[in-house]
Amino acid sequence: MTTIAIIPAGGKGLRSGFTTPKQYLKVGGKEIIVYTLQTFQKNRLINKIIIAAEPEYFTALIKLIKKYKLSKVKLIVDGGSTRQQSVYNAVLSSESDDTDLLVVHDAARALIPNDILTSSIVSAKKNG
């Protein structure tokens, strides 16, 4: 069983009032999306990460992936016009099968504790 993390990062953050989507804003010297990706990168149960983003941010994401050595990020796909479309695009590109587990977590929700992520994955594998 492969565990694939899907990180929707296509939101424009219009309600925040910033011109840059919030997942690309820096907090503590790093973009918010980097904190999210590092959590999934460090988790021993995650095998692969797919990011669904706006194409205009692909180059910036590739630079961040290289800079922070996020080796589990295997693919960046077009985010689509809605969150649902973003997740759908990532699922289609995941090459997953019925034995794989897909975990979805928003790019701008950077504070997920590793133990919560791990227990959620373990529970999903155990209980279906």
C-alpha atoms as a PDB file:
ATOM      1  CA  MET A   1       0.000   0.000   0.000  1.00  0.00           C
ATOM      2  CA  THR A   2       1.325   3.383  -1.051  1.00  0.00           C
ATOM      3  CA  THR A   3       0.275   6.496   0.856  1.00  0.00           C
ATOM      4  CA  ILE A   4      -0.032   9.511  -1.400  1.00  0.00           C
ATOM      5  CA  ALA A   5      -0.506  13.022  -0.035  1.00  0.00           C
ATOM      6  CA  ILE A   6      -2.484  15.400  -2.211  1.00  0.00           C
ATOM      7  CA  ILE A   7      -1.889  19.046  -1.371  1.00  0.00           C
ATOM      8  CA  PRO A   8      -4.389  21.408  -3.015  1.00  0.00           C
ATOM      9  CA  ALA A   9      -2.579  24.728  -3.425  1.00  0.00           C
ATOM     10  CA  GLY A  10      -4.676  26.399  -6.093  1.00  0.00           C
ATOM     11  CA  GLY A  11      -6.541  28.847  -3.903  1.00  0.00           C
ATOM     12  CA  LYS A  12      -6.176  32.531  -4.639  1.00  0.00           C
ATOM     13  CA  GLY A  13      -6.777  33.645  -1.040  1.00  0.00           C
ATOM     14  CA  LEU A  14      -9.132  36.424  -2.132  1.00  0.00           C
ATOM     15  CA  ARG A  15     -10.677  36.806   1.329  1.00  0.00           C
ATOM     16  CA  SER A  16      -7.242  37.458   2.866  1.00  0.00           C
ATOM     17  CA  GLY A  17      -6.889  40.728   0.950  1.00  0.00           C
ATOM     18  CA  PHE A  18      -3.329  39.945  -0.150  1.00  0.00           C
ATOM     19  CA  THR A  19      -2.279  39.994  -3.801  1.00  0.00           C
ATOM     20  CA  THR A  20      -0.298  36.778  -3.285  1.00  0.00           C
ATOM     21  CA  PRO A  21      -2.203  33.601  -2.325  1.00  0.00           C
ATOM     22  CA  LYS A  22      -1.705  32.925   1.384  1.00  0.00           C
ATOM     23  CA  GLN A  23       0.054  29.577   0.852  1.00  0.00           C
ATOM     24  CA  TYR A  24       2.928  31.479  -0.809  1.00  0.00           C
ATOM     25  CA  LEU A  25       3.250  34.171   1.866  1.00  0.00           C
ATOM     26  CA  LYS A  26       6.314  33.989   4.086  1.00  0.00           C
ATOM     27  CA  VAL A  27       6.000  33.425   7.811  1.00  0.00           C
ATOM     28  CA  GLY A  28       9.171  33.055   9.851  1.00  0.00           C
ATOM     29  CA  GLY A  29      11.259  33.263   6.673  1.00  0.00           C
ATOM     30  CA  LYS A  30       9.498  30.412   4.807  1.00  0.00           C
ATOM     31  CA  GLU A  31       6.473  30.174   2.580  1.00  0.00           C
ATOM     32  CA  ILE A  32       3.454  28.662   4.354  1.00  0.00           C
ATOM     33  CA  ILE A  33       3.264  25.847   1.794  1.00  0.00           C
ATOM     34  CA  VAL A  34       6.833  24.813   2.698  1.00  0.00           C
ATOM     35  CA  TYR A  35       5.821  24.151   6.307  1.00  0.00           C
ATOM     36  CA  THR A  36       2.962  21.973   5.059  1.00  0.00           C
ATOM     37  CA  LEU A  37       5.151  20.085   2.591  1.00  0.00           C
ATOM     38  CA  GLN A  38       7.888  19.543   5.186  1.00  0.00           C
ATOM     39  CA  THR A  39       5.403  17.892   7.543  1.00  0.00           C
ATOM     40  CA  PHE A  40       4.400  15.415   4.846  1.00  0.00           C
ATOM     41  CA  GLN A  41       8.021  15.000   3.704  1.00  0.00           C
ATOM     42  CA  LYS A  42       9.135  14.049   7.222  1.00  0.00           C
ATOM     43  CA  ASN A  43       6.278  11.647   7.896  1.00  0.00           C
ATOM     44  CA  ARG A  44       7.503   8.058   7.587  1.00  0.00           C
ATOM     45  CA  LEU A  45       4.144   6.816   6.262  1.00  0.00           C
ATOM     46  CA  ILE A  46       3.935   9.218   3.296  1.00  0.00           C
ATOM     47  CA  ASN A  47       5.453   7.770   0.118  1.00  0.00           C
ATOM     48  CA  LYS A  48       4.593  10.414  -2.442  1.00  0.00           C
ATOM     49  CA  ILE A  49       3.299  14.005  -2.563  1.00  0.00           C
ATOM     50  CA  ILE A  50       1.286  15.561  -5.382  1.00  0.00           C
ATOM     51  CA  ILE A  51       0.610  19.312  -5.412  1.00  0.00           C
ATOM     52  CA  ALA A  52      -2.369  20.750  -7.308  1.00  0.00           C
ATOM     53  CA  ALA A  53      -1.595  24.404  -8.058  1.00  0.00           C
ATOM     54  CA  GLU A  54      -2.172  27.257 -10.452  1.00  0.00           C
ATOM     55  CA  PRO A  55       0.204  26.857 -13.428  1.00  0.00           C
ATOM     56  CA  GLU A  56       1.601  30.358 -12.838  1.00  0.00           C
ATOM     57  CA  TYR A  57       3.107  29.070  -9.554  1.00  0.00           C
ATOM     58  CA  PHE A  58       4.706  25.886 -10.954  1.00  0.00           C
ATOM     59  CA  THR A  59       8.136  27.520 -11.359  1.00  0.00           C
ATOM     60  CA  ALA A  60       8.059  28.952  -7.840  1.00  0.00           C
ATOM     61  CA  LEU A  61       7.033  25.554  -6.451  1.00  0.00           C
ATOM     62  CA  ILE A  62       9.842  23.768  -8.293  1.00  0.00           C
ATOM     63  CA  LYS A  63      12.336  26.221  -6.787  1.00  0.00           C
ATOM     64  CA  LEU A  64      10.942  25.622  -3.278  1.00  0.00           C
ATOM     65  CA  ILE A  65      10.998  21.837  -3.765  1.00  0.00           C
ATOM     66  CA  LYS A  66      14.669  21.997  -4.730  1.00  0.00           C
ATOM     67  CA  LYS A  67      15.614  24.547  -2.061  1.00  0.00           C
ATOM     68  CA  TYR A  68      14.065  22.529   0.773  1.00  0.00           C
ATOM     69  CA  LYS A  69      14.932  19.088  -0.652  1.00  0.00           C
ATOM     70  CA  LEU A  70      11.316  17.911  -0.749  1.00  0.00           C
ATOM     71  CA  SER A  71      12.088  14.619  -2.469  1.00  0.00           C
ATOM     72  CA  LYS A  72       8.660  13.094  -1.892  1.00  0.00           C
ATOM     73  CA  VAL A  73       7.031  15.692  -4.142  1.00  0.00           C
ATOM     74  CA  LYS A  74       6.690  13.709  -7.355  1.00  0.00           C
ATOM     75  CA  LEU A  75       4.230  15.779  -9.325  1.00  0.00           C
ATOM     76  CA  ILE A  76       2.655  19.217  -9.669  1.00  0.00           C
ATOM     77  CA  VAL A  77      -0.663  19.271 -11.514  1.00  0.00           C
ATOM     78  CA  ASP A  78      -3.036  21.992 -12.678  1.00  0.00           C
ATOM     79  CA  GLY A  79      -5.208  23.007  -9.761  1.00  0.00           C
ATOM     80  CA  GLY A  80      -8.469  23.514 -11.613  1.00  0.00           C
ATOM     81  CA  SER A  81     -11.101  26.138 -10.920  1.00  0.00           C
ATOM     82  CA  THR A  82     -12.340  24.643  -7.614  1.00  0.00           C
ATOM     83  CA  ARG A  83     -10.828  22.700  -4.729  1.00  0.00           C
ATOM     84  CA  GLN A  84     -12.829  19.662  -5.833  1.00  0.00           C
ATOM     85  CA  GLN A  85     -11.382  19.941  -9.353  1.00  0.00           C
ATOM     86  CA  SER A  86      -7.869  20.332  -7.917  1.00  0.00           C
ATOM     87  CA  VAL A  87      -8.188  17.170  -5.851  1.00  0.00           C
ATOM     88  CA  TYR A  88      -9.755  15.329  -8.792  1.00  0.00           C
ATOM     89  CA  ASN A  89      -6.865  16.341 -11.092  1.00  0.00           C
ATOM     90  CA  ALA A  90      -4.358  15.108  -8.512  1.00  0.00           C
ATOM     91  CA  VAL A  91      -6.205  11.812  -7.994  1.00  0.00           C
ATOM     92  CA  LEU A  92      -6.309  11.176 -11.745  1.00  0.00           C
ATOM     93  CA  SER A  93      -2.583  11.808 -12.034  1.00  0.00           C
ATOM     94  CA  SER A  94      -1.670   9.754  -8.948  1.00  0.00           C
ATOM     95  CA  GLU A  95      -1.593   6.386 -10.726  1.00  0.00           C
ATOM     96  CA  SER A  96      -3.067   4.961  -7.534  1.00  0.00           C
ATOM     97  CA  ASP A  97      -4.995   1.736  -7.274  1.00  0.00           C
ATOM     98  CA  ASP A  98      -7.540   0.328  -4.826  1.00  0.00           C
ATOM     99  CA  THR A  99      -4.838  -0.646  -2.338  1.00  0.00           C
ATOM    100  CA  ASP A 100      -3.399   2.872  -2.027  1.00  0.00           C
ATOM    101  CA  LEU A 101      -4.356   5.481   0.534  1.00  0.00           C
ATOM    102  CA  LEU A 102      -4.849   9.074  -0.597  1.00  0.00           C
ATOM    103  CA  VAL A 103      -4.511  11.779   2.043  1.00  0.00           C
ATOM    104  CA  VAL A 104      -5.728  15.308   1.223  1.00  0.00           C
ATOM    105  CA  HIS A 105      -4.546  18.356   3.159  1.00  0.00           C
ATOM    106  CA  ASP A 106      -4.724  22.061   2.244  1.00  0.00           C
ATOM    107  CA  ALA A 107      -1.469  23.871   1.467  1.00  0.00           C
ATOM    108  CA  ALA A 108      -2.310  26.822   3.708  1.00  0.00           C
ATOM    109  CA  ARG A 109      -3.037  24.661   6.798  1.00  0.00           C
ATOM    110  CA  ALA A 110       0.578  24.346   7.848  1.00  0.00           C
ATOM    111  CA  LEU A 111       0.234  23.451  11.507  1.00  0.00           C
ATOM    112  CA  ILE A 112      -0.806  19.798  11.319  1.00  0.00           C
ATOM    113  CA  PRO A 113       1.161  17.926  14.006  1.00  0.00           C
ATOM    114  CA  ASN A 114       3.061  14.884  12.753  1.00  0.00           C
ATOM    115  CA  ASP A 115       1.484  12.629  15.385  1.00  0.00           C
ATOM    116  CA  ILE A 116      -2.028  13.585  14.223  1.00  0.00           C
ATOM    117  CA  LEU A 117      -1.043  12.897  10.608  1.00  0.00           C
ATOM    118  CA  THR A 118       0.466   9.536  11.552  1.00  0.00           C
ATOM    119  CA  SER A 119      -2.502   8.436  13.685  1.00  0.00           C
ATOM    120  CA  SER A 120      -4.928   9.456  10.920  1.00  0.00           C
ATOM    121  CA  ILE A 121      -3.042   7.366   8.360  1.00  0.00           C
ATOM    122  CA  VAL A 122      -2.766   4.390  10.695  1.00  0.00           C
ATOM    123  CA  SER A 123      -6.485   4.588  11.466  1.00  0.00           C
ATOM    124  CA  ALA A 124      -7.424   4.836   7.780  1.00  0.00           C
ATOM    125  CA  LYS A 125      -5.245   1.826   6.933  1.00  0.00           C
ATOM    126  CA  LYS A 126      -6.710  -0.182   9.798  1.00  0.00           C
ATOM    127  CA  ASN A 127     -10.369   0.769   9.390  1.00  0.00           C
ATOM    128  CA  GLY A 128     -10.629   1.495   5.672  1.00  0.00           C
END
